[in-house]
Amino acid sequence: MIRLNLLAEAQAAEELRRRDPVKRAIWLAVLIVALMLAWSSSLQLKSILGHSEISRLEADIKSHTSQYELVLANQKQIADIKQKITGLQQLTNNRLLNGTLLNALQQTTFDEVQLLRLRVEQLYTTVAGTKARTNESGTLIPGKPATATETIRLTLEGGDSSDNPGDGLNKYREALANAPYFKQNLVPTNGITLKSLTPPEISALTGKRSVIFSLECHYPEVTR
């Protein structure tokens, strides 16, 4: 018995259409494009997340930089304050104590010599200091304190009414030089020098022949 397949031609055409390489290529291209779009989208998402992380890190770095600069500024301010406190302490500890000086003069007397007046001169020559600074590598360089060179001059004026005016002055000057205070505080050589001496004349205070003298006491220069 002979069977006829009337749809054989249509089926063959459909099978040929299914095996068409162009259509397969189109589907493959569509698939590749879809994959590339998905890959591109993932890269774009990673880029957005990366930029967000970079922004966060930059903000964090700026925050730490501000804190670091604040710490450096505080360290510089503390160094300046310590420098000033040290300078004040040095001036306080080494200042000339007039009370101690007057006590030493009171304990060094001579009958024929009368101390009439004294004058203390304190001269200061200053050199400006430098402030603490931070170098390019961020290291704090301490500042140098300002210095002051102190020069002290003590002038003693008095009268000598000894029997031979002038002899009492020499003894008084020697007594001052050997007094503990002056021996400790004056320069070791020529610590007390004769600045002026008047000719003998009758004193209005004592009614005796006397000379008026002026002694200068030299303290060593001190730089602080």
C-alpha atoms as a PDB file:
ATOM      1  CA  MET A   1       0.000   0.000   0.000  1.00  0.00           C
ATOM      2  CA  ILE A   2       1.332   3.356  -0.963  1.00  0.00           C
ATOM      3  CA  ARG A   3       1.140   6.275   1.595  1.00  0.00           C
ATOM      4  CA  LEU A   4       1.295   9.827   0.479  1.00  0.00           C
ATOM      5  CA  ASN A   5       2.497  12.562   2.813  1.00  0.00           C
ATOM      6  CA  LEU A   6       0.901  15.683   1.578  1.00  0.00           C
ATOM      7  CA  LEU A   7       2.735  17.836   4.183  1.00  0.00           C
ATOM      8  CA  ALA A   8       6.152  16.537   3.301  1.00  0.00           C
ATOM      9  CA  GLU A   9       7.004  19.601   1.285  1.00  0.00           C
ATOM     10  CA  ALA A  10       5.887  22.001   4.050  1.00  0.00           C
ATOM     11  CA  GLN A  11       7.776  19.998   6.652  1.00  0.00           C
ATOM     12  CA  ALA A  12      10.916  20.048   4.566  1.00  0.00           C
ATOM     13  CA  ALA A  13      10.629  23.807   4.183  1.00  0.00           C
ATOM     14  CA  GLU A  14      10.146  24.210   7.936  1.00  0.00           C
ATOM     15  CA  GLU A  15      13.158  22.017   8.662  1.00  0.00           C
ATOM     16  CA  LEU A  16      15.233  24.030   6.229  1.00  0.00           C
ATOM     17  CA  ARG A  17      14.090  27.239   7.917  1.00  0.00           C
ATOM     18  CA  ARG A  18      15.090  25.899  11.321  1.00  0.00           C
ATOM     19  CA  ARG A  19      18.526  25.019  10.044  1.00  0.00           C
ATOM     20  CA  ASP A  20      19.022  28.433   8.467  1.00  0.00           C
ATOM     21  CA  PRO A  21      22.598  29.615   9.543  1.00  0.00           C
ATOM     22  CA  VAL A  22      21.692  33.302   9.195  1.00  0.00           C
ATOM     23  CA  LYS A  23      18.990  33.046  11.816  1.00  0.00           C
ATOM     24  CA  ARG A  24      21.363  31.184  14.098  1.00  0.00           C
ATOM     25  CA  ALA A  25      23.924  33.922  13.633  1.00  0.00           C
ATOM     26  CA  ILE A  26      21.314  36.552  14.481  1.00  0.00           C
ATOM     27  CA  TRP A  27      20.335  34.760  17.649  1.00  0.00           C
ATOM     28  CA  LEU A  28      23.975  34.326  18.583  1.00  0.00           C
ATOM     29  CA  ALA A  29      24.638  38.047  17.958  1.00  0.00           C
ATOM     30  CA  VAL A  30      21.629  38.985  20.081  1.00  0.00           C
ATOM     31  CA  LEU A  31      22.916  36.758  22.863  1.00  0.00           C
ATOM     32  CA  ILE A  32      26.403  38.274  22.647  1.00  0.00           C
ATOM     33  CA  VAL A  33      25.008  41.815  22.697  1.00  0.00           C
ATOM     34  CA  ALA A  34      22.886  40.941  25.726  1.00  0.00           C
ATOM     35  CA  LEU A  35      25.907  39.510  27.504  1.00  0.00           C
ATOM     36  CA  MET A  36      27.971  42.598  26.656  1.00  0.00           C
ATOM     37  CA  LEU A  37      25.211  44.879  27.923  1.00  0.00           C
ATOM     38  CA  ALA A  38      25.080  42.917  31.163  1.00  0.00           C
ATOM     39  CA  TRP A  39      28.882  43.056  31.482  1.00  0.00           C
ATOM     40  CA  SER A  40      28.897  46.795  30.706  1.00  0.00           C
ATOM     41  CA  SER A  41      26.175  47.368  33.294  1.00  0.00           C
ATOM     42  CA  SER A  42      28.198  45.451  35.893  1.00  0.00           C
ATOM     43  CA  LEU A  43      31.279  47.516  35.068  1.00  0.00           C
ATOM     44  CA  GLN A  44      29.267  50.733  35.351  1.00  0.00           C
ATOM     45  CA  LEU A  45      27.903  49.619  38.713  1.00  0.00           C
ATOM     46  CA  LYS A  46      31.407  48.775  39.928  1.00  0.00           C
ATOM     47  CA  SER A  47      32.625  52.182  38.716  1.00  0.00           C
ATOM     48  CA  ILE A  48      29.844  53.955  40.622  1.00  0.00           C
ATOM     49  CA  LEU A  49      30.622  51.953  43.750  1.00  0.00           C
ATOM     50  CA  GLY A  50      34.344  52.663  43.258  1.00  0.00           C
ATOM     51  CA  HIS A  51      33.769  56.426  42.927  1.00  0.00           C
ATOM     52  CA  SER A  52      31.593  56.336  46.032  1.00  0.00           C
ATOM     53  CA  GLU A  53      34.364  54.548  47.967  1.00  0.00           C
ATOM     54  CA  ILE A  54      36.965  57.018  46.677  1.00  0.00           C
ATOM     55  CA  SER A  55      34.801  59.946  47.802  1.00  0.00           C
ATOM     56  CA  ARG A  56      34.398  58.357  51.215  1.00  0.00           C
ATOM     57  CA  LEU A  57      38.152  57.766  51.542  1.00  0.00           C
ATOM     58  CA  GLU A  58      38.948  61.319  50.413  1.00  0.00           C
ATOM     59  CA  ALA A  59      36.541  62.716  53.006  1.00  0.00           C
ATOM     60  CA  ASP A  60      38.133  60.470  55.632  1.00  0.00           C
ATOM     61  CA  ILE A  61      41.628  61.633  54.638  1.00  0.00           C
ATOM     62  CA  LYS A  62      40.566  65.295  54.778  1.00  0.00           C
ATOM     63  CA  SER A  63      39.103  64.722  58.219  1.00  0.00           C
ATOM     64  CA  HIS A  64      42.330  63.116  59.469  1.00  0.00           C
ATOM     65  CA  THR A  65      44.381  65.858  57.776  1.00  0.00           C
ATOM     66  CA  SER A  66      42.401  68.539  59.603  1.00  0.00           C
ATOM     67  CA  GLN A  67      42.865  66.705  62.890  1.00  0.00           C
ATOM     68  CA  TYR A  68      46.602  66.319  62.203  1.00  0.00           C
ATOM     69  CA  GLU A  69      46.977  70.020  61.412  1.00  0.00           C
ATOM     70  CA  LEU A  70      45.067  70.833  64.602  1.00  0.00           C
ATOM     71  CA  VAL A  71      47.424  68.610  66.601  1.00  0.00           C
ATOM     72  CA  LEU A  72      50.465  70.314  65.044  1.00  0.00           C
ATOM     73  CA  ALA A  73      49.007  73.753  65.796  1.00  0.00           C
ATOM     74  CA  ASN A  74      48.357  72.723  69.404  1.00  0.00           C
ATOM     75  CA  GLN A  75      51.889  71.336  69.747  1.00  0.00           C
ATOM     76  CA  LYS A  76      53.313  74.592  68.389  1.00  0.00           C
ATOM     77  CA  GLN A  77      51.207  76.638  70.801  1.00  0.00           C
ATOM     78  CA  ILE A  78      52.242  74.442  73.732  1.00  0.00           C
ATOM     79  CA  ALA A  79      55.926  74.797  72.763  1.00  0.00           C
ATOM     80  CA  ASP A  80      55.570  78.604  72.614  1.00  0.00           C
ATOM     81  CA  ILE A  81      53.859  78.700  76.030  1.00  0.00           C
ATOM     82  CA  LYS A  82      56.528  76.463  77.591  1.00  0.00           C
ATOM     83  CA  GLN A  83      59.212  78.686  76.102  1.00  0.00           C
ATOM     84  CA  LYS A  84      57.646  81.797  77.658  1.00  0.00           C
ATOM     85  CA  ILE A  85      57.159  80.088  81.029  1.00  0.00           C
ATOM     86  CA  THR A  86      60.798  78.978  81.044  1.00  0.00           C
ATOM     87  CA  GLY A  87      61.931  82.532  80.284  1.00  0.00           C
ATOM     88  CA  LEU A  88      59.771  83.956  83.076  1.00  0.00           C
ATOM     89  CA  GLN A  89      61.068  81.371  85.545  1.00  0.00           C
ATOM     90  CA  GLN A  90      64.648  82.232  84.649  1.00  0.00           C
ATOM     91  CA  LEU A  91      64.013  85.936  85.165  1.00  0.00           C
ATOM     92  CA  THR A  92      62.259  85.222  88.469  1.00  0.00           C
ATOM     93  CA  ASN A  93      64.966  82.942  89.811  1.00  0.00           C
ATOM     94  CA  ASN A  94      67.873  85.160  88.773  1.00  0.00           C
ATOM     95  CA  ARG A  95      66.541  88.661  89.342  1.00  0.00           C
ATOM     96  CA  LEU A  96      68.489  91.088  91.466  1.00  0.00           C
ATOM     97  CA  LEU A  97      67.082  91.050  94.991  1.00  0.00           C
ATOM     98  CA  ASN A  98      67.372  94.576  96.347  1.00  0.00           C
ATOM     99  CA  GLY A  99      66.505  93.361  99.822  1.00  0.00           C
ATOM    100  CA  THR A 100      69.510  91.043  99.847  1.00  0.00           C
ATOM    101  CA  LEU A 101      71.714  93.875  98.548  1.00  0.00           C
ATOM    102  CA  LEU A 102      70.532  96.301 101.243  1.00  0.00           C
ATOM    103  CA  ASN A 103      71.078  93.690 103.924  1.00  0.00           C
ATOM    104  CA  ALA A 104      74.667  93.166 102.711  1.00  0.00           C
ATOM    105  CA  LEU A 105      75.314  96.927 102.786  1.00  0.00           C
ATOM    106  CA  GLN A 106      73.852  97.167 106.265  1.00  0.00           C
ATOM    107  CA  GLN A 107      76.235  94.492 107.493  1.00  0.00           C
ATOM    108  CA  THR A 108      79.243  96.178 105.848  1.00  0.00           C
ATOM    109  CA  THR A 109      79.801  99.507 107.620  1.00  0.00           C
ATOM    110  CA  PHE A 110      82.724 101.655 108.624  1.00  0.00           C
ATOM    111  CA  ASP A 111      82.623 104.355 111.318  1.00  0.00           C
ATOM    112  CA  GLU A 112      84.218 107.194 109.328  1.00  0.00           C
ATOM    113  CA  VAL A 113      82.352 106.377 106.094  1.00  0.00           C
ATOM    114  CA  GLN A 114      78.761 107.436 105.589  1.00  0.00           C
ATOM    115  CA  LEU A 115      76.791 105.962 102.681  1.00  0.00           C
ATOM    116  CA  LEU A 116      74.710 108.760 101.180  1.00  0.00           C
ATOM    117  CA  ARG A 117      72.895 107.124  98.271  1.00  0.00           C
ATOM    118  CA  LEU A 118      72.920 104.142  95.975  1.00  0.00           C
ATOM    119  CA  ARG A 119      71.736 103.636  92.423  1.00  0.00           C
ATOM    120  CA  VAL A 120      71.021 100.350  90.661  1.00  0.00           C
ATOM    121  CA  GLU A 121      70.942 100.246  86.858  1.00  0.00           C
ATOM    122  CA  GLN A 122      69.632  97.179  85.075  1.00  0.00           C
ATOM    123  CA  LEU A 123      70.169  97.217  81.324  1.00  0.00           C
ATOM    124  CA  TYR A 124      68.886  94.525  78.958  1.00  0.00           C
ATOM    125  CA  THR A 125      69.992  93.785  75.416  1.00  0.00           C
ATOM    126  CA  THR A 126      67.445  91.483  73.796  1.00  0.00           C
ATOM    127  CA  VAL A 127      67.660  89.083  70.868  1.00  0.00           C
ATOM    128  CA  ALA A 128      64.368  87.973  69.350  1.00  0.00           C
ATOM    129  CA  GLY A 129      63.554  84.284  69.482  1.00  0.00           C
ATOM    130  CA  THR A 130      62.119  82.030  66.790  1.00  0.00           C
ATOM    131  CA  LYS A 131      58.756  80.303  66.951  1.00  0.00           C
ATOM    132  CA  ALA A 132      58.247  76.583  66.642  1.00  0.00           C
ATOM    133  CA  ARG A 133      57.513  75.486  63.073  1.00  0.00           C
ATOM    134  CA  THR A 134      56.682  72.397  61.081  1.00  0.00           C
ATOM    135  CA  ASN A 135      58.931  71.439  58.183  1.00  0.00           C
ATOM    136  CA  GLU A 136      57.843  69.924  54.869  1.00  0.00           C
ATOM    137  CA  SER A 137      57.949  66.380  56.252  1.00  0.00           C
ATOM    138  CA  GLY A 138      55.626  67.320  59.115  1.00  0.00           C
ATOM    139  CA  THR A 139      58.290  67.268  61.830  1.00  0.00           C
ATOM    140  CA  LEU A 140      57.888  69.861  64.564  1.00  0.00           C
ATOM    141  CA  ILE A 141      61.024  71.968  64.957  1.00  0.00           C
ATOM    142  CA  PRO A 142      61.134  73.630  68.390  1.00  0.00           C
ATOM    143  CA  GLY A 143      61.612  77.367  68.484  1.00  0.00           C
ATOM    144  CA  LYS A 144      64.479  79.148  70.127  1.00  0.00           C
ATOM    145  CA  PRO A 145      63.596  81.368  73.059  1.00  0.00           C
ATOM    146  CA  ALA A 146      64.359  85.052  72.983  1.00  0.00           C
ATOM    147  CA  THR A 147      67.458  85.942  74.962  1.00  0.00           C
ATOM    148  CA  ALA A 148      68.206  88.968  77.081  1.00  0.00           C
ATOM    149  CA  THR A 149      71.667  89.953  78.208  1.00  0.00           C
ATOM    150  CA  GLU A 150      71.426  91.604  81.603  1.00  0.00           C
ATOM    151  CA  THR A 151      73.961  94.208  82.686  1.00  0.00           C
ATOM    152  CA  ILE A 152      73.742  95.436  86.282  1.00  0.00           C
ATOM    153  CA  ARG A 153      75.648  98.384  87.641  1.00  0.00           C
ATOM    154  CA  LEU A 154      75.523  99.396  91.276  1.00  0.00           C
ATOM    155  CA  THR A 155      76.758 102.872  92.203  1.00  0.00           C
ATOM    156  CA  LEU A 156      77.464 103.756  95.821  1.00  0.00           C
ATOM    157  CA  GLU A 157      77.967 107.382  96.815  1.00  0.00           C
ATOM    158  CA  GLY A 158      79.225 108.361 100.253  1.00  0.00           C
ATOM    159  CA  GLY A 159      81.494 110.549 102.309  1.00  0.00           C
ATOM    160  CA  ASP A 160      84.734 109.736 104.133  1.00  0.00           C
ATOM    161  CA  SER A 161      85.408 111.905 107.193  1.00  0.00           C
ATOM    162  CA  SER A 162      88.311 109.938 108.649  1.00  0.00           C
ATOM    163  CA  ASP A 163      91.318 111.766 110.110  1.00  0.00           C
ATOM    164  CA  ASN A 164      93.019 111.494 106.744  1.00  0.00           C
ATOM    165  CA  PRO A 165      90.088 111.709 104.280  1.00  0.00           C
ATOM    166  CA  GLY A 166      90.403 108.881 101.804  1.00  0.00           C
ATOM    167  CA  ASP A 167      91.904 106.305 104.165  1.00  0.00           C
ATOM    168  CA  GLY A 168      88.448 105.267 105.350  1.00  0.00           C
ATOM    169  CA  LEU A 169      87.321 104.910 101.741  1.00  0.00           C
ATOM    170  CA  ASN A 170      90.054 102.370 101.008  1.00  0.00           C
ATOM    171  CA  LYS A 171      89.115 100.328 104.093  1.00  0.00           C
ATOM    172  CA  TYR A 172      85.420 100.509 103.223  1.00  0.00           C
ATOM    173  CA  ARG A 173      86.084  99.409  99.668  1.00  0.00           C
ATOM    174  CA  GLU A 174      88.164  96.470 100.924  1.00  0.00           C
ATOM    175  CA  ALA A 175      85.422  95.500 103.393  1.00  0.00           C
ATOM    176  CA  LEU A 176      82.840  95.490 100.606  1.00  0.00           C
ATOM    177  CA  ALA A 177      85.052  93.351  98.382  1.00  0.00           C
ATOM    178  CA  ASN A 178      85.451  90.758 101.150  1.00  0.00           C
ATOM    179  CA  ALA A 179      81.768  90.667 102.126  1.00  0.00           C
ATOM    180  CA  PRO A 180      80.190  87.292 101.179  1.00  0.00           C
ATOM    181  CA  TYR A 181      77.419  88.848  99.061  1.00  0.00           C
ATOM    182  CA  PHE A 182      79.728  90.976  96.930  1.00  0.00           C
ATOM    183  CA  LYS A 183      82.404  88.293  96.701  1.00  0.00           C
ATOM    184  CA  GLN A 184      79.810  85.870  95.361  1.00  0.00           C
ATOM    185  CA  ASN A 185      77.958  88.184  92.985  1.00  0.00           C
ATOM    186  CA  LEU A 186      80.490  90.625  91.549  1.00  0.00           C
ATOM    187  CA  VAL A 187      83.022  89.912  88.822  1.00  0.00           C
ATOM    188  CA  PRO A 188      86.201  88.429  90.345  1.00  0.00           C
ATOM    189  CA  THR A 189      88.567  91.086  88.911  1.00  0.00           C
ATOM    190  CA  ASN A 190      87.977  94.797  89.621  1.00  0.00           C
ATOM    191  CA  GLY A 191      84.513  94.079  90.958  1.00  0.00           C
ATOM    192  CA  ILE A 192      84.491  97.438  92.786  1.00  0.00           C
ATOM    193  CA  THR A 193      86.123 100.450  91.137  1.00  0.00           C
ATOM    194  CA  LEU A 194      86.480 104.082  92.210  1.00  0.00           C
ATOM    195  CA  LYS A 195      84.389 106.186  89.885  1.00  0.00           C
ATOM    196  CA  SER A 196      84.956 109.643  91.368  1.00  0.00           C
ATOM    197  CA  LEU A 197      86.575 111.342  94.373  1.00  0.00           C
ATOM    198  CA  THR A 198      86.256 115.010  95.363  1.00  0.00           C
ATOM    199  CA  PRO A 199      88.993 117.050  97.080  1.00  0.00           C
ATOM    200  CA  PRO A 200      88.730 117.258 100.895  1.00  0.00           C
ATOM    201  CA  GLU A 201      86.327 119.924 102.156  1.00  0.00           C
ATOM    202  CA  ILE A 202      84.298 120.678 105.252  1.00  0.00           C
ATOM    203  CA  SER A 203      81.164 118.555 105.286  1.00  0.00           C
ATOM    204  CA  ALA A 204      77.873 120.309 106.072  1.00  0.00           C
ATOM    205  CA  LEU A 205      76.656 117.099 107.718  1.00  0.00           C
ATOM    206  CA  THR A 206      79.570 116.290 110.026  1.00  0.00           C
ATOM    207  CA  GLY A 207      81.460 119.589 110.185  1.00  0.00           C
ATOM    208  CA  LYS A 208      84.652 117.641 109.455  1.00  0.00           C
ATOM    209  CA  ARG A 209      86.968 117.582 106.502  1.00  0.00           C
ATOM    210  CA  SER A 210      85.738 114.852 104.236  1.00  0.00           C
ATOM    211  CA  VAL A 211      85.782 113.619 100.669  1.00  0.00           C
ATOM    212  CA  ILE A 212      82.777 112.574  98.583  1.00  0.00           C
ATOM    213  CA  PHE A 213      83.361 109.395  96.626  1.00  0.00           C
ATOM    214  CA  SER A 214      81.520 107.241  94.164  1.00  0.00           C
ATOM    215  CA  LEU A 215      82.121 103.482  93.875  1.00  0.00           C
ATOM    216  CA  GLU A 216      80.867 101.354  91.009  1.00  0.00           C
ATOM    217  CA  CYS A 217      80.141  97.661  91.580  1.00  0.00           C
ATOM    218  CA  HIS A 218      80.248  95.437  88.502  1.00  0.00           C
ATOM    219  CA  TYR A 219      78.021  92.381  88.222  1.00  0.00           C
ATOM    220  CA  PRO A 220      78.833  89.840  85.494  1.00  0.00           C
ATOM    221  CA  GLU A 221      76.728  90.037  82.346  1.00  0.00           C
ATOM    222  CA  VAL A 222      74.198  87.226  82.229  1.00  0.00           C
ATOM    223  CA  THR A 223      72.391  86.034  79.108  1.00  0.00           C
ATOM    224  CA  ARG A 224      69.062  84.317  79.692  1.00  0.00           C
END
